[in-house]
């Protein structure tokens, strides 16, 4: 039962990590596009496209990137802990049989 919970937690972490990695990739791509933009920059908010200052959007994206990187790092540490617990539990199950 404990092993099953650890495996479920690992799987949930994997999906979270995958989503954050995808979001990070999109953010990095947006930052590259802003760097190359010579004209107006727009931000989509809901169903509206609003003209915003290039520097302001760049700052927002850089902050978002830092936050995503921190979250990914934290998820990586959690994944290590769960993996270690899972290995330990697996070893104790196999040695007791």
C-alpha atoms as a PDB file:
ATOM      1  CA  UNK A   1       0.000   0.000   0.000  1.00  0.00           C
ATOM      2  CA  UNK A   2       2.814   2.371   0.927  1.00  0.00           C
ATOM      3  CA  UNK A   3       4.665   1.413  -2.248  1.00  0.00           C
ATOM      4  CA  UNK A   4       1.599   2.146  -4.352  1.00  0.00           C
ATOM      5  CA  UNK A   5       1.238   5.604  -2.770  1.00  0.00           C
ATOM      6  CA  UNK A   6       4.886   6.400  -3.488  1.00  0.00           C
ATOM      7  CA  UNK A   7       4.480   5.311  -7.107  1.00  0.00           C
ATOM      8  CA  UNK A   8       1.377   7.486  -7.473  1.00  0.00           C
ATOM      9  CA  UNK A   9       3.226  10.450  -5.970  1.00  0.00           C
ATOM     10  CA  UNK A  10       6.125   9.891  -8.350  1.00  0.00           C
ATOM     11  CA  UNK A  11       3.756   9.754 -11.305  1.00  0.00           C
ATOM     12  CA  UNK A  12       1.991  12.962 -10.202  1.00  0.00           C
ATOM     13  CA  UNK A  13       5.368  14.683  -9.818  1.00  0.00           C
ATOM     14  CA  UNK A  14       6.367  13.504 -13.279  1.00  0.00           C
ATOM     15  CA  UNK A  15       3.261  15.076 -14.844  1.00  0.00           C
ATOM     16  CA  UNK A  16       3.717  18.321 -12.898  1.00  0.00           C
ATOM     17  CA  UNK A  17       7.354  18.468 -13.926  1.00  0.00           C
ATOM     18  CA  UNK A  18       6.439  17.822 -17.542  1.00  0.00           C
ATOM     19  CA  UNK A  19       3.869  20.653 -17.495  1.00  0.00           C
ATOM     20  CA  UNK A  20       6.326  23.097 -15.930  1.00  0.00           C
ATOM     21  CA  UNK A  21       9.012  22.129 -18.462  1.00  0.00           C
ATOM     22  CA  UNK A  22       6.589  22.780 -21.305  1.00  0.00           C
ATOM     23  CA  UNK A  23       5.603  26.142 -19.817  1.00  0.00           C
ATOM     24  CA  UNK A  24       9.284  27.031 -19.339  1.00  0.00           C
ATOM     25  CA  UNK A  25       9.995  26.175 -22.965  1.00  0.00           C
ATOM     26  CA  UNK A  26       7.121  28.407 -24.109  1.00  0.00           C
ATOM     27  CA  UNK A  27       8.348  31.244 -21.889  1.00  0.00           C
ATOM     28  CA  UNK A  28      11.884  30.965 -23.231  1.00  0.00           C
ATOM     29  CA  UNK A  29      10.508  30.988 -26.777  1.00  0.00           C
ATOM     30  CA  UNK A  30       8.470  34.124 -26.024  1.00  0.00           C
ATOM     31  CA  UNK A  31      11.574  35.814 -24.599  1.00  0.00           C
ATOM     32  CA  UNK A  32      13.483  35.056 -27.812  1.00  0.00           C
ATOM     33  CA  UNK A  33      10.659  36.506 -29.888  1.00  0.00           C
ATOM     34  CA  UNK A  34      10.622  39.684 -27.798  1.00  0.00           C
ATOM     35  CA  UNK A  35      14.378  40.090 -28.231  1.00  0.00           C
ATOM     36  CA  UNK A  36      13.938  40.055 -31.996  1.00  0.00           C
ATOM     37  CA  UNK A  37      10.847  42.274 -32.061  1.00  0.00           C
ATOM     38  CA  UNK A  38      11.502  45.681 -33.531  1.00  0.00           C
ATOM     39  CA  UNK A  39       7.934  46.916 -33.499  1.00  0.00           C
ATOM     40  CA  UNK A  40       5.078  46.914 -31.007  1.00  0.00           C
ATOM     41  CA  UNK A  41       4.668  44.026 -28.569  1.00  0.00           C
ATOM     42  CA  UNK A  42       1.283  42.703 -27.522  1.00  0.00           C
ATOM     43  CA  UNK A  43       0.103  40.544 -24.655  1.00  0.00           C
ATOM     44  CA  UNK A  44      -2.958  38.325 -24.795  1.00  0.00           C
ATOM     45  CA  UNK A  45      -5.187  38.648 -21.742  1.00  0.00           C
ATOM     46  CA  UNK A  46      -8.266  36.476 -21.972  1.00  0.00           C
ATOM     47  CA  UNK A  47      -9.778  37.282 -25.351  1.00  0.00           C
ATOM     48  CA  UNK A  48      -8.021  40.655 -25.663  1.00  0.00           C
ATOM     49  CA  UNK A  49      -4.691  41.539 -27.215  1.00  0.00           C
ATOM     50  CA  UNK A  50      -3.216  44.546 -25.438  1.00  0.00           C
ATOM     51  CA  UNK A  51      -0.232  46.611 -26.535  1.00  0.00           C
ATOM     52  CA  UNK A  52       2.379  46.686 -23.765  1.00  0.00           C
ATOM     53  CA  UNK A  53       5.842  48.033 -23.227  1.00  0.00           C
ATOM     54  CA  UNK A  54       8.474  45.610 -24.526  1.00  0.00           C
ATOM     55  CA  UNK A  55      10.659  46.009 -21.411  1.00  0.00           C
ATOM     56  CA  UNK A  56       7.691  45.367 -19.114  1.00  0.00           C
ATOM     57  CA  UNK A  57       6.702  42.157 -20.897  1.00  0.00           C
ATOM     58  CA  UNK A  58      10.328  41.014 -20.960  1.00  0.00           C
ATOM     59  CA  UNK A  59      10.583  41.589 -17.193  1.00  0.00           C
ATOM     60  CA  UNK A  60       7.345  39.635 -16.590  1.00  0.00           C
ATOM     61  CA  UNK A  61       8.582  36.722 -18.715  1.00  0.00           C
ATOM     62  CA  UNK A  62      11.985  36.671 -17.003  1.00  0.00           C
ATOM     63  CA  UNK A  63      10.297  36.574 -13.588  1.00  0.00           C
ATOM     64  CA  UNK A  64       8.015  33.787 -14.780  1.00  0.00           C
ATOM     65  CA  UNK A  65      11.043  31.887 -16.101  1.00  0.00           C
ATOM     66  CA  UNK A  66      12.829  32.178 -12.734  1.00  0.00           C
ATOM     67  CA  UNK A  67       9.726  30.979 -10.898  1.00  0.00           C
ATOM     68  CA  UNK A  68       9.309  27.998 -13.223  1.00  0.00           C
ATOM     69  CA  UNK A  69      12.974  27.078 -12.817  1.00  0.00           C
ATOM     70  CA  UNK A  70      12.595  27.193  -9.019  1.00  0.00           C
ATOM     71  CA  UNK A  71       9.481  25.022  -9.173  1.00  0.00           C
ATOM     72  CA  UNK A  72      11.237  22.520 -11.414  1.00  0.00           C
ATOM     73  CA  UNK A  73      14.189  22.397  -9.027  1.00  0.00           C
ATOM     74  CA  UNK A  74      11.846  21.795  -6.062  1.00  0.00           C
ATOM     75  CA  UNK A  75       9.990  19.067  -7.964  1.00  0.00           C
ATOM     76  CA  UNK A  76      13.324  17.457  -8.835  1.00  0.00           C
ATOM     77  CA  UNK A  77      14.250  17.341  -5.151  1.00  0.00           C
ATOM     78  CA  UNK A  78      10.856  15.877  -4.245  1.00  0.00           C
ATOM     79  CA  UNK A  79      11.266  13.302  -6.993  1.00  0.00           C
ATOM     80  CA  UNK A  80      14.655  12.298  -5.564  1.00  0.00           C
ATOM     81  CA  UNK A  81      13.165  11.872  -2.079  1.00  0.00           C
ATOM     82  CA  UNK A  82      10.251   9.763  -3.330  1.00  0.00           C
ATOM     83  CA  UNK A  83      12.548   7.666  -5.529  1.00  0.00           C
ATOM     84  CA  UNK A  84      14.883   7.043  -2.603  1.00  0.00           C
ATOM     85  CA  UNK A  85      11.951   6.059  -0.372  1.00  0.00           C
ATOM     86  CA  UNK A  86      10.588   3.810  -3.105  1.00  0.00           C
ATOM     87  CA  UNK A  87      13.934   2.053  -3.564  1.00  0.00           C
ATOM     88  CA  UNK A  88      14.296   1.582   0.201  1.00  0.00           C
ATOM     89  CA  UNK A  89      10.795   0.188   0.500  1.00  0.00           C
ATOM     90  CA  UNK A  90      11.327  -2.093  -2.494  1.00  0.00           C
ATOM     91  CA  UNK A  91      14.567  -3.402  -0.955  1.00  0.00           C
ATOM     92  CA  UNK A  92      12.910  -4.057   2.396  1.00  0.00           C
ATOM     93  CA  UNK A  93      10.061  -5.928   0.672  1.00  0.00           C
ATOM     94  CA  UNK A  94      12.428  -8.115  -1.358  1.00  0.00           C
ATOM     95  CA  UNK A  95      14.698  -8.893   1.610  1.00  0.00           C
ATOM     96  CA  UNK A  96      11.757  -9.842   3.847  1.00  0.00           C
ATOM     97  CA  UNK A  97      10.492 -12.363   1.261  1.00  0.00           C
END
